[in-house]
Amino acid sequence: MPKKRENCRPECGEIATNPNKTWELVAPFPDKKMRITIAIFGMFSCPSCGKNFRGLVSKAKLGAEGIKV
C-alpha cells in the first residue's frame, strides 16, 4: 500500500495547506455498515514552485450512528 502524501508534489516536496477550490464526491454505494462515504477534494497551489495539483482534503462517513471523520 503506498504511503499517504500530505498534499505535496513529489518534485519539490513542499507542503501546501490551504486549497484554492474544494468540491465533494459522494460514493454511489454504502459500505457493510450502511454508511455513505463523502470525500472532499481540493485544488492546491505549491508555494515554492507554483504548480497546481489536486489532493484529498478530508473524508467523512455518514450513517445512522452519526458522522465519522
PDB file of N, CA and C in Angstrom:
ATOM      1  N   MET A   1       0.843  -1.167   0.000  1.00  0.00           N
ATOM      2  CA  MET A   1       0.000   0.000   0.000  1.00  0.00           C
ATOM      3  C   MET A   1       0.894   1.237   0.000  1.00  0.00           C
ATOM      4  N   PRO A   2       0.635   2.194  -0.909  1.00  0.00           N
ATOM      5  CA  PRO A   2       1.503   3.360  -0.980  1.00  0.00           C
ATOM      6  C   PRO A   2       1.331   4.273   0.230  1.00  0.00           C
ATOM      7  N   LYS A   3       2.401   4.998   0.552  1.00  0.00           N
ATOM      8  CA  LYS A   3       2.343   5.937   1.658  1.00  0.00           C
ATOM      9  C   LYS A   3       1.491   7.135   1.290  1.00  0.00           C
ATOM     10  N   LYS A   4       0.816   7.709   2.285  1.00  0.00           N
ATOM     11  CA  LYS A   4      -0.037   8.859   2.049  1.00  0.00           C
ATOM     12  C   LYS A   4       0.810  10.125   2.020  1.00  0.00           C
ATOM     13  N   ARG A   5       0.677  10.887   0.955  1.00  0.00           N
ATOM     14  CA  ARG A   5       1.351  12.176   0.865  1.00  0.00           C
ATOM     15  C   ARG A   5       0.399  13.247   1.363  1.00  0.00           C
ATOM     16  N   GLU A   6       0.884  14.164   2.129  1.00  0.00           N
ATOM     17  CA  GLU A   6       0.042  15.218   2.691  1.00  0.00           C
ATOM     18  C   GLU A   6       0.032  16.432   1.783  1.00  0.00           C
ATOM     19  N   ASN A   7      -0.693  16.347   0.671  1.00  0.00           N
ATOM     20  CA  ASN A   7      -0.901  17.445  -0.252  1.00  0.00           C
ATOM     21  C   ASN A   7       0.413  18.078  -0.722  1.00  0.00           C
ATOM     22  N   CYS A   8       1.360  17.269  -1.167  1.00  0.00           N
ATOM     23  CA  CYS A   8       2.610  17.805  -1.688  1.00  0.00           C
ATOM     24  C   CYS A   8       2.928  17.132  -3.012  1.00  0.00           C
ATOM     25  N   ARG A   9       3.658  17.826  -3.835  1.00  0.00           N
ATOM     26  CA  ARG A   9       4.106  17.268  -5.096  1.00  0.00           C
ATOM     27  C   ARG A   9       5.440  16.578  -4.884  1.00  0.00           C
ATOM     28  N   PRO A  10       5.707  15.471  -5.558  1.00  0.00           N
ATOM     29  CA  PRO A  10       6.974  14.779  -5.360  1.00  0.00           C
ATOM     30  C   PRO A  10       8.172  15.543  -5.925  1.00  0.00           C
ATOM     31  N   GLU A  11       7.979  16.471  -6.858  1.00  0.00           N
ATOM     32  CA  GLU A  11       9.113  17.176  -7.467  1.00  0.00           C
ATOM     33  C   GLU A  11       9.824  18.068  -6.459  1.00  0.00           C
ATOM     34  N   CYS A  12       9.084  18.878  -5.727  1.00  0.00           N
ATOM     35  CA  CYS A  12       9.732  19.831  -4.826  1.00  0.00           C
ATOM     36  C   CYS A  12       9.588  19.434  -3.354  1.00  0.00           C
ATOM     37  N   GLY A  13       8.547  18.679  -2.988  1.00  0.00           N
ATOM     38  CA  GLY A  13       8.374  18.221  -1.621  1.00  0.00           C
ATOM     39  C   GLY A  13       7.789  19.253  -0.671  1.00  0.00           C
ATOM     40  N   GLU A  14       7.410  20.408  -1.173  1.00  0.00           N
ATOM     41  CA  GLU A  14       6.817  21.449  -0.328  1.00  0.00           C
ATOM     42  C   GLU A  14       5.382  21.053   0.033  1.00  0.00           C
ATOM     43  N   ILE A  15       4.932  21.411   1.230  1.00  0.00           N
ATOM     44  CA  ILE A  15       3.583  21.064   1.685  1.00  0.00           C
ATOM     45  C   ILE A  15       2.671  22.265   1.510  1.00  0.00           C
ATOM     46  N   ALA A  16       1.573  22.067   0.788  1.00  0.00           N
ATOM     47  CA  ALA A  16       0.563  23.107   0.603  1.00  0.00           C
ATOM     48  C   ALA A  16      -0.580  22.812   1.564  1.00  0.00           C
ATOM     49  N   THR A  17      -1.018  23.800   2.332  1.00  0.00           N
ATOM     50  CA  THR A  17      -2.018  23.557   3.364  1.00  0.00           C
ATOM     51  C   THR A  17      -3.405  24.077   2.994  1.00  0.00           C
ATOM     52  N   ASN A  18      -3.509  25.195   2.312  1.00  0.00           N
ATOM     53  CA  ASN A  18      -4.818  25.787   2.025  1.00  0.00           C
ATOM     54  C   ASN A  18      -5.220  25.528   0.581  1.00  0.00           C
ATOM     55  N   PRO A  19      -6.367  24.859   0.355  1.00  0.00           N
ATOM     56  CA  PRO A  19      -6.810  24.631  -1.023  1.00  0.00           C
ATOM     57  C   PRO A  19      -7.406  25.899  -1.623  1.00  0.00           C
ATOM     58  N   ASN A  20      -7.210  26.066  -2.933  1.00  0.00           N
ATOM     59  CA  ASN A  20      -7.794  27.197  -3.648  1.00  0.00           C
ATOM     60  C   ASN A  20      -9.274  26.972  -3.928  1.00  0.00           C
ATOM     61  N   LYS A  21      -9.641  25.716  -4.174  1.00  0.00           N
ATOM     62  CA  LYS A  21     -11.013  25.351  -4.527  1.00  0.00           C
ATOM     63  C   LYS A  21     -11.287  23.973  -3.936  1.00  0.00           C
ATOM     64  N   THR A  22     -12.510  23.729  -3.454  1.00  0.00           N
ATOM     65  CA  THR A  22     -12.874  22.418  -2.929  1.00  0.00           C
ATOM     66  C   THR A  22     -14.169  21.938  -3.574  1.00  0.00           C
ATOM     67  N   TRP A  23     -14.338  20.611  -3.614  1.00  0.00           N
ATOM     68  CA  TRP A  23     -15.564  20.003  -4.090  1.00  0.00           C
ATOM     69  C   TRP A  23     -15.762  18.676  -3.384  1.00  0.00           C
ATOM     70  N   GLU A  24     -16.996  18.187  -3.394  1.00  0.00           N
ATOM     71  CA  GLU A  24     -17.358  16.953  -2.712  1.00  0.00           C
ATOM     72  C   GLU A  24     -17.626  15.854  -3.722  1.00  0.00           C
ATOM     73  N   LEU A  25     -17.280  14.631  -3.334  1.00  0.00           N
ATOM     74  CA  LEU A  25     -17.563  13.454  -4.142  1.00  0.00           C
ATOM     75  C   LEU A  25     -18.236  12.438  -3.239  1.00  0.00           C
ATOM     76  N   VAL A  26     -19.454  12.027  -3.580  1.00  0.00           N
ATOM     77  CA  VAL A  26     -20.230  11.091  -2.770  1.00  0.00           C
ATOM     78  C   VAL A  26     -20.139   9.709  -3.389  1.00  0.00           C
ATOM     79  N   ALA A  27     -19.829   8.713  -2.564  1.00  0.00           N
ATOM     80  CA  ALA A  27     -19.727   7.337  -3.049  1.00  0.00           C
ATOM     81  C   ALA A  27     -21.114   6.831  -3.456  1.00  0.00           C
ATOM     82  N   PRO A  28     -21.208   6.117  -4.570  1.00  0.00           N
ATOM     83  CA  PRO A  28     -22.518   5.670  -5.035  1.00  0.00           C
ATOM     84  C   PRO A  28     -23.120   4.524  -4.234  1.00  0.00           C
ATOM     85  N   PHE A  29     -22.288   3.729  -3.531  1.00  0.00           N
ATOM     86  CA  PHE A  29     -22.778   2.593  -2.774  1.00  0.00           C
ATOM     87  C   PHE A  29     -22.321   2.685  -1.324  1.00  0.00           C
ATOM     88  N   PRO A  30     -23.153   2.273  -0.380  1.00  0.00           N
ATOM     89  CA  PRO A  30     -22.728   2.283   1.032  1.00  0.00           C
ATOM     90  C   PRO A  30     -21.800   1.105   1.339  1.00  0.00           C
ATOM     91  N   ASP A  31     -21.102   1.189   2.492  1.00  0.00           N
ATOM     92  CA  ASP A  31     -20.240   0.093   2.910  1.00  0.00           C
ATOM     93  C   ASP A  31     -21.053  -0.964   3.662  1.00  0.00           C
ATOM     94  N   LYS A  32     -20.379  -1.925   4.324  1.00  0.00           N
ATOM     95  CA  LYS A  32     -21.085  -3.022   5.003  1.00  0.00           C
ATOM     96  C   LYS A  32     -21.960  -2.544   6.151  1.00  0.00           C
ATOM     97  N   LYS A  33     -21.570  -1.451   6.791  1.00  0.00           N
ATOM     98  CA  LYS A  33     -22.351  -0.910   7.905  1.00  0.00           C
ATOM     99  C   LYS A  33     -23.389   0.111   7.438  1.00  0.00           C
ATOM    100  N   MET A  34     -23.640   0.165   6.120  1.00  0.00           N
ATOM    101  CA  MET A  34     -24.634   1.053   5.501  1.00  0.00           C
ATOM    102  C   MET A  34     -24.309   2.526   5.726  1.00  0.00           C
ATOM    103  N   ARG A  35     -23.027   2.879   5.662  1.00  0.00           N
ATOM    104  CA  ARG A  35     -22.604   4.266   5.774  1.00  0.00           C
ATOM    105  C   ARG A  35     -22.231   4.787   4.387  1.00  0.00           C
ATOM    106  N   ILE A  36     -22.539   6.037   4.132  1.00  0.00           N
ATOM    107  CA  ILE A  36     -22.196   6.683   2.873  1.00  0.00           C
ATOM    108  C   ILE A  36     -20.893   7.455   3.080  1.00  0.00           C
ATOM    109  N   THR A  37     -19.940   7.304   2.160  1.00  0.00           N
ATOM    110  CA  THR A  37     -18.658   7.993   2.249  1.00  0.00           C
ATOM    111  C   THR A  37     -18.701   9.255   1.403  1.00  0.00           C
ATOM    112  N   ILE A  38     -18.299  10.371   2.000  1.00  0.00           N
ATOM    113  CA  ILE A  38     -18.181  11.638   1.290  1.00  0.00           C
ATOM    114  C   ILE A  38     -16.713  12.056   1.350  1.00  0.00           C
ATOM    115  N   ALA A  39     -16.100  12.234   0.196  1.00  0.00           N
ATOM    116  CA  ALA A  39     -14.704  12.676   0.114  1.00  0.00           C
ATOM    117  C   ALA A  39     -14.690  14.125  -0.354  1.00  0.00           C
ATOM    118  N   ILE A  40     -13.886  14.945   0.298  1.00  0.00           N
ATOM    119  CA  ILE A  40     -13.746  16.351  -0.074  1.00  0.00           C
ATOM    120  C   ILE A  40     -12.362  16.520  -0.679  1.00  0.00           C
ATOM    121  N   PHE A  41     -12.324  16.881  -1.949  1.00  0.00           N
ATOM    122  CA  PHE A  41     -11.084  17.094  -2.677  1.00  0.00           C
ATOM    123  C   PHE A  41     -10.828  18.584  -2.812  1.00  0.00           C
ATOM    124  N   GLY A  42      -9.584  18.943  -3.097  1.00  0.00           N
ATOM    125  CA  GLY A  42      -9.246  20.345  -3.260  1.00  0.00           C
ATOM    126  C   GLY A  42      -8.183  20.552  -4.316  1.00  0.00           C
ATOM    127  N   MET A  43      -8.156  21.759  -4.875  1.00  0.00           N
ATOM    128  CA  MET A  43      -7.130  22.172  -5.817  1.00  0.00           C
ATOM    129  C   MET A  43      -6.133  23.021  -5.042  1.00  0.00           C
ATOM    130  N   PHE A  44      -4.877  22.590  -5.037  1.00  0.00           N
ATOM    131  CA  PHE A  44      -3.828  23.258  -4.272  1.00  0.00           C
ATOM    132  C   PHE A  44      -2.838  23.929  -5.215  1.00  0.00           C
ATOM    133  N   SER A  45      -2.149  24.935  -4.706  1.00  0.00           N
ATOM    134  CA  SER A  45      -1.085  25.603  -5.430  1.00  0.00           C
ATOM    135  C   SER A  45       0.175  25.533  -4.572  1.00  0.00           C
ATOM    136  N   CYS A  46       1.280  25.062  -5.143  1.00  0.00           N
ATOM    137  CA  CYS A  46       2.525  24.908  -4.394  1.00  0.00           C
ATOM    138  C   CYS A  46       3.116  26.286  -4.099  1.00  0.00           C
ATOM    139  N   PRO A  47       3.479  26.559  -2.828  1.00  0.00           N
ATOM    140  CA  PRO A  47       4.030  27.875  -2.503  1.00  0.00           C
ATOM    141  C   PRO A  47       5.427  28.119  -3.052  1.00  0.00           C
ATOM    142  N   SER A  48       6.209  27.055  -3.310  1.00  0.00           N
ATOM    143  CA  SER A  48       7.579  27.271  -3.784  1.00  0.00           C
ATOM    144  C   SER A  48       7.686  27.286  -5.309  1.00  0.00           C
ATOM    145  N   CYS A  49       7.060  26.319  -5.986  1.00  0.00           N
ATOM    146  CA  CYS A  49       7.223  26.257  -7.447  1.00  0.00           C
ATOM    147  C   CYS A  49       5.999  26.765  -8.212  1.00  0.00           C
ATOM    148  N   GLY A  50       4.847  26.921  -7.549  1.00  0.00           N
ATOM    149  CA  GLY A  50       3.664  27.496  -8.192  1.00  0.00           C
ATOM    150  C   GLY A  50       2.818  26.528  -8.997  1.00  0.00           C
ATOM    151  N   LYS A  51       3.137  25.226  -8.988  1.00  0.00           N
ATOM    152  CA  LYS A  51       2.345  24.257  -9.750  1.00  0.00           C
ATOM    153  C   LYS A  51       1.025  23.981  -9.036  1.00  0.00           C
ATOM    154  N   ASN A  52      -0.010  23.717  -9.824  1.00  0.00           N
ATOM    155  CA  ASN A  52      -1.321  23.373  -9.285  1.00  0.00           C
ATOM    156  C   ASN A  52      -1.492  21.863  -9.312  1.00  0.00           C
ATOM    157  N   PHE A  53      -2.146  21.323  -8.276  1.00  0.00           N
ATOM    158  CA  PHE A  53      -2.396  19.898  -8.216  1.00  0.00           C
ATOM    159  C   PHE A  53      -3.630  19.642  -7.362  1.00  0.00           C
ATOM    160  N   ARG A  54      -4.219  18.446  -7.546  1.00  0.00           N
ATOM    161  CA  ARG A  54      -5.395  18.034  -6.783  1.00  0.00           C
ATOM    162  C   ARG A  54      -4.968  17.143  -5.633  1.00  0.00           C
ATOM    163  N   GLY A  55      -5.743  17.184  -4.555  1.00  0.00           N
ATOM    164  CA  GLY A  55      -5.452  16.328  -3.421  1.00  0.00           C
ATOM    165  C   GLY A  55      -6.672  16.149  -2.545  1.00  0.00           C
ATOM    166  N   LEU A  56      -6.621  15.149  -1.684  1.00  0.00           N
ATOM    167  CA  LEU A  56      -7.708  14.850  -0.764  1.00  0.00           C
ATOM    168  C   LEU A  56      -7.605  15.772   0.451  1.00  0.00           C
ATOM    169  N   VAL A  57      -8.693  16.450   0.779  1.00  0.00           N
ATOM    170  CA  VAL A  57      -8.729  17.331   1.953  1.00  0.00           C
ATOM    171  C   VAL A  57      -9.200  16.545   3.166  1.00  0.00           C
ATOM    172  N   SER A  58     -10.344  15.843   3.054  1.00  0.00           N
ATOM    173  CA  SER A  58     -10.842  15.033   4.161  1.00  0.00           C
ATOM    174  C   SER A  58     -11.875  14.040   3.647  1.00  0.00           C
ATOM    175  N   LYS A  59     -12.183  13.058   4.514  1.00  0.00           N
ATOM    176  CA  LYS A  59     -13.230  12.076   4.237  1.00  0.00           C
ATOM    177  C   LYS A  59     -14.168  12.042   5.424  1.00  0.00           C
ATOM    178  N   ALA A  60     -15.440  11.765   5.151  1.00  0.00           N
ATOM    179  CA  ALA A  60     -16.425  11.624   6.213  1.00  0.00           C
ATOM    180  C   ALA A  60     -17.349  10.470   5.855  1.00  0.00           C
ATOM    181  N   LYS A  61     -17.758   9.717   6.877  1.00  0.00           N
ATOM    182  CA  LYS A  61     -18.706   8.621   6.688  1.00  0.00           C
ATOM    183  C   LYS A  61     -19.985   8.981   7.433  1.00  0.00           C
ATOM    184  N   LEU A  62     -21.107   8.975   6.719  1.00  0.00           N
ATOM    185  CA  LEU A  62     -22.402   9.315   7.293  1.00  0.00           C
ATOM    186  C   LEU A  62     -23.221   8.058   7.460  1.00  0.00           C
ATOM    187  N   GLY A  63     -23.760   7.868   8.665  1.00  0.00           N
ATOM    188  CA  GLY A  63     -24.571   6.698   8.937  1.00  0.00           C
ATOM    189  C   GLY A  63     -25.606   6.982  10.001  1.00  0.00           C
ATOM    190  N   ALA A  64     -26.269   5.932  10.462  1.00  0.00           N
ATOM    191  CA  ALA A  64     -27.302   6.072  11.489  1.00  0.00           C
ATOM    192  C   ALA A  64     -26.716   6.489  12.826  1.00  0.00           C
ATOM    193  N   GLU A  65     -25.463   6.075  13.128  1.00  0.00           N
ATOM    194  CA  GLU A  65     -24.828   6.430  14.398  1.00  0.00           C
ATOM    195  C   GLU A  65     -24.376   7.880  14.441  1.00  0.00           C
ATOM    196  N   GLY A  66     -24.162   8.481  13.295  1.00  0.00           N
ATOM    197  CA  GLY A  66     -23.678   9.859  13.227  1.00  0.00           C
ATOM    198  C   GLY A  66     -22.610   9.981  12.158  1.00  0.00           C
ATOM    199  N   ILE A  67     -21.757  10.990  12.317  1.00  0.00           N
ATOM    200  CA  ILE A  67     -20.717  11.271  11.344  1.00  0.00           C
ATOM    201  C   ILE A  67     -19.371  10.833  11.907  1.00  0.00           C
ATOM    202  N   LYS A  68     -18.611  10.084  11.098  1.00  0.00           N
ATOM    203  CA  LYS A  68     -17.264   9.677  11.484  1.00  0.00           C
ATOM    204  C   LYS A  68     -16.293  10.322  10.491  1.00  0.00           C
ATOM    205  N   VAL A  69     -15.359  11.092  10.997  1.00  0.00           N
ATOM    206  CA  VAL A  69     -14.397  11.802  10.124  1.00  0.00           C
ATOM    207  C   VAL A  69     -13.110  11.016  10.045  1.00  0.00           C
TER     208      VAL A  69
END
